[in-house]
């Protein structure tokens, strides 16, 4: 068990160093994080709309723009 934990820690440290020293890998990590955030926001908006948190199932962007117009 100790070898597993040591290997896990060493792998995490080497992975972090690899990402820090590689701009290509760093950009891939950032892209993945942004995609995850977008999907999570969409999921949360969908759940709020399903719970009745939004009027008429509007997306927050649509609600903001319609409020500005009218």
N, C-alpha and C. Protein backbone atom coordinates (compact mmCIF):
# COMPACT_ATOMS: atom_id res chain seq x y z
N UNK A 1 0.83 -1.20 0.00
CA UNK A 1 0.00 0.00 0.00
C UNK A 1 0.87 1.26 0.00
N UNK A 2 1.97 1.20 0.75
CA UNK A 2 2.85 2.37 0.81
C UNK A 2 3.49 2.63 -0.55
N UNK A 3 3.82 1.54 -1.27
CA UNK A 3 4.41 1.71 -2.60
C UNK A 3 3.43 2.35 -3.55
N UNK A 4 2.16 1.96 -3.44
CA UNK A 4 1.13 2.53 -4.29
C UNK A 4 1.00 4.03 -4.05
N UNK A 5 0.93 4.43 -2.78
CA UNK A 5 0.78 5.85 -2.44
C UNK A 5 2.02 6.63 -2.89
N UNK A 6 3.20 6.05 -2.69
CA UNK A 6 4.42 6.72 -3.13
C UNK A 6 4.45 6.86 -4.65
N UNK A 7 4.04 5.83 -5.35
CA UNK A 7 3.99 5.88 -6.81
C UNK A 7 2.98 6.90 -7.31
N UNK A 8 1.85 6.94 -6.63
CA UNK A 8 0.81 7.92 -6.99
C UNK A 8 1.32 9.34 -6.79
N UNK A 9 1.97 9.60 -5.67
CA UNK A 9 2.51 10.93 -5.39
C UNK A 9 3.60 11.30 -6.40
N UNK A 10 4.48 10.35 -6.70
CA UNK A 10 5.55 10.59 -7.66
C UNK A 10 4.97 10.85 -9.05
N UNK A 11 3.99 10.06 -9.44
CA UNK A 11 3.35 10.25 -10.74
C UNK A 11 2.67 11.60 -10.85
N UNK A 12 2.01 12.00 -9.77
CA UNK A 12 1.34 13.31 -9.78
C UNK A 12 2.37 14.44 -9.89
N UNK A 13 3.47 14.30 -9.17
CA UNK A 13 4.51 15.34 -9.22
C UNK A 13 5.14 15.40 -10.61
N UNK A 14 5.45 14.25 -11.19
CA UNK A 14 6.04 14.24 -12.53
C UNK A 14 5.04 14.76 -13.57
N UNK A 15 3.78 14.42 -13.42
CA UNK A 15 2.77 14.92 -14.33
C UNK A 15 2.63 16.43 -14.24
N UNK A 16 2.68 16.95 -13.03
CA UNK A 16 2.59 18.40 -12.85
C UNK A 16 3.79 19.11 -13.48
N UNK A 17 4.97 18.52 -13.31
CA UNK A 17 6.17 19.11 -13.93
C UNK A 17 6.07 19.06 -15.46
N UNK A 18 5.57 17.96 -15.99
CA UNK A 18 5.44 17.81 -17.44
C UNK A 18 4.47 18.84 -18.00
N UNK A 19 3.35 19.03 -17.33
CA UNK A 19 2.37 20.01 -17.79
C UNK A 19 2.93 21.42 -17.66
N UNK A 20 3.66 21.70 -16.59
CA UNK A 20 4.21 23.04 -16.38
C UNK A 20 5.26 23.39 -17.43
N UNK A 21 5.98 22.38 -17.93
CA UNK A 21 7.06 22.65 -18.89
C UNK A 21 6.63 22.49 -20.34
N UNK A 22 5.41 22.11 -20.59
CA UNK A 22 4.95 21.90 -21.96
C UNK A 22 3.78 22.84 -22.26
N UNK A 23 4.01 23.78 -23.16
CA UNK A 23 2.95 24.74 -23.49
C UNK A 23 1.80 24.06 -24.21
N UNK A 24 2.11 23.07 -25.03
CA UNK A 24 1.06 22.36 -25.76
C UNK A 24 0.15 21.62 -24.78
N UNK A 25 0.74 20.92 -23.84
CA UNK A 25 -0.04 20.19 -22.85
C UNK A 25 -0.81 21.14 -21.95
N UNK A 26 -0.19 22.26 -21.59
CA UNK A 26 -0.85 23.24 -20.74
C UNK A 26 -2.09 23.81 -21.45
N UNK A 27 -1.95 24.07 -22.74
CA UNK A 27 -3.11 24.60 -23.48
C UNK A 27 -4.21 23.55 -23.58
N UNK A 28 -3.85 22.28 -23.71
CA UNK A 28 -4.86 21.22 -23.73
C UNK A 28 -5.58 21.12 -22.39
N UNK A 29 -4.85 21.27 -21.30
CA UNK A 29 -5.45 21.22 -19.97
C UNK A 29 -6.41 22.39 -19.79
N UNK A 30 -5.99 23.58 -20.19
CA UNK A 30 -6.86 24.76 -20.08
C UNK A 30 -8.11 24.61 -20.92
N UNK A 31 -7.95 24.07 -22.14
CA UNK A 31 -9.09 23.85 -23.02
C UNK A 31 -10.07 22.87 -22.39
N UNK A 32 -9.55 21.81 -21.81
CA UNK A 32 -10.40 20.83 -21.14
C UNK A 32 -11.14 21.42 -19.96
N UNK A 33 -10.46 22.27 -19.21
CA UNK A 33 -11.11 22.92 -18.07
C UNK A 33 -12.22 23.85 -18.53
N UNK A 34 -11.99 24.60 -19.59
CA UNK A 34 -13.02 25.51 -20.10
C UNK A 34 -14.24 24.74 -20.62
N UNK A 35 -13.99 23.64 -21.33
CA UNK A 35 -15.09 22.82 -21.83
C UNK A 35 -15.89 22.23 -20.67
N UNK A 36 -15.19 21.80 -19.63
CA UNK A 36 -15.87 21.25 -18.46
C UNK A 36 -16.74 22.30 -17.78
N UNK A 37 -16.20 23.52 -17.65
CA UNK A 37 -16.96 24.60 -17.03
C UNK A 37 -18.22 24.93 -17.84
N UNK A 38 -18.08 24.97 -19.18
CA UNK A 38 -19.23 25.27 -20.03
C UNK A 38 -20.30 24.19 -19.90
N UNK A 39 -19.88 22.93 -19.89
CA UNK A 39 -20.84 21.83 -19.76
C UNK A 39 -21.51 21.87 -18.39
N UNK A 40 -20.74 22.19 -17.36
CA UNK A 40 -21.30 22.26 -16.01
C UNK A 40 -22.30 23.41 -15.90
N UNK A 41 -21.97 24.55 -16.48
CA UNK A 41 -22.90 25.69 -16.46
C UNK A 41 -24.20 25.36 -17.19
N UNK A 42 -24.06 24.70 -18.35
CA UNK A 42 -25.25 24.31 -19.11
C UNK A 42 -26.10 23.32 -18.32
N UNK A 43 -25.44 22.39 -17.65
CA UNK A 43 -26.16 21.40 -16.84
C UNK A 43 -26.90 22.07 -15.69
N UNK A 44 -26.24 23.00 -15.02
CA UNK A 44 -26.85 23.71 -13.89
C UNK A 44 -28.03 24.54 -14.37
N UNK A 45 -27.86 25.24 -15.50
CA UNK A 45 -28.96 26.02 -16.06
C UNK A 45 -30.15 25.14 -16.41
N UNK A 46 -29.86 23.97 -16.98
CA UNK A 46 -30.92 23.03 -17.34
C UNK A 46 -31.67 22.55 -16.11
N UNK A 47 -30.94 22.24 -15.05
CA UNK A 47 -31.58 21.77 -13.83
C UNK A 47 -32.40 22.87 -13.17
N UNK A 48 -31.89 24.10 -13.19
CA UNK A 48 -32.64 25.22 -12.62
C UNK A 48 -33.92 25.46 -13.40
N UNK A 49 -33.83 25.37 -14.72
CA UNK A 49 -35.02 25.56 -15.55
C UNK A 49 -36.04 24.46 -15.29
N UNK A 50 -35.56 23.24 -15.09
CA UNK A 50 -36.47 22.13 -14.81
C UNK A 50 -37.14 22.28 -13.46
N UNK A 51 -36.46 22.92 -12.52
CA UNK A 51 -37.03 23.12 -11.19
C UNK A 51 -37.96 24.34 -11.16
N UNK A 52 -38.02 25.08 -12.22
CA UNK A 52 -38.88 26.26 -12.27
C UNK A 52 -38.17 27.51 -11.83
N UNK A 53 -36.84 27.48 -11.78
CA UNK A 53 -36.08 28.65 -11.37
C UNK A 53 -36.07 29.74 -12.42
N UNK A 54 -36.27 29.37 -13.68
CA UNK A 54 -36.29 30.34 -14.76
C UNK A 54 -37.72 30.46 -15.28
N UNK A 55 -38.11 31.64 -15.65
CA UNK A 55 -39.45 31.85 -16.18
C UNK A 55 -39.51 31.40 -17.63
N UNK A 56 -40.42 30.49 -17.95
CA UNK A 56 -40.61 30.06 -19.32
C UNK A 56 -39.44 29.27 -19.89
N UNK A 57 -38.54 28.79 -19.05
CA UNK A 57 -37.40 28.01 -19.51
C UNK A 57 -36.37 28.82 -20.27
N UNK A 58 -36.33 30.13 -20.06
CA UNK A 58 -35.35 30.96 -20.74
C UNK A 58 -33.97 30.69 -20.19
N UNK A 59 -32.98 30.83 -21.04
CA UNK A 59 -31.60 30.75 -20.58
C UNK A 59 -31.26 32.09 -19.93
N UNK A 60 -30.29 32.11 -19.03
CA UNK A 60 -29.95 33.38 -18.36
C UNK A 60 -29.55 34.48 -19.35
N UNK A 61 -28.85 34.10 -20.46
CA UNK A 61 -28.45 35.11 -21.43
C UNK A 61 -29.68 35.73 -22.10
N UNK A 62 -30.67 34.89 -22.43
CA UNK A 62 -31.88 35.37 -23.08
C UNK A 62 -32.67 36.28 -22.13
N UNK A 63 -32.69 35.92 -20.87
CA UNK A 63 -33.42 36.70 -19.90
C UNK A 63 -32.79 38.09 -19.74
N UNK A 64 -31.45 38.14 -19.74
CA UNK A 64 -30.77 39.42 -19.59
C UNK A 64 -31.02 40.30 -20.80
N UNK A 65 -30.95 39.73 -22.00
CA UNK A 65 -31.12 40.55 -23.20
C UNK A 65 -32.56 41.01 -23.33
N UNK A 66 -33.53 40.15 -22.97
CA UNK A 66 -34.93 40.57 -23.06
C UNK A 66 -35.26 41.64 -22.03
N UNK A 67 -34.58 41.61 -20.88
CA UNK A 67 -34.81 42.62 -19.86
C UNK A 67 -34.25 43.97 -20.31
N UNK A 68 -33.14 43.95 -21.06
CA UNK A 68 -32.56 45.20 -21.54
C UNK A 68 -33.42 45.84 -22.61
N UNK A 69 -34.03 45.02 -23.45
CA UNK A 69 -34.84 45.54 -24.56
C UNK A 69 -36.15 46.13 -24.06
N UNK A 70 -36.77 45.46 -23.09
CA UNK A 70 -38.10 45.88 -22.69
C UNK A 70 -38.10 46.53 -21.40
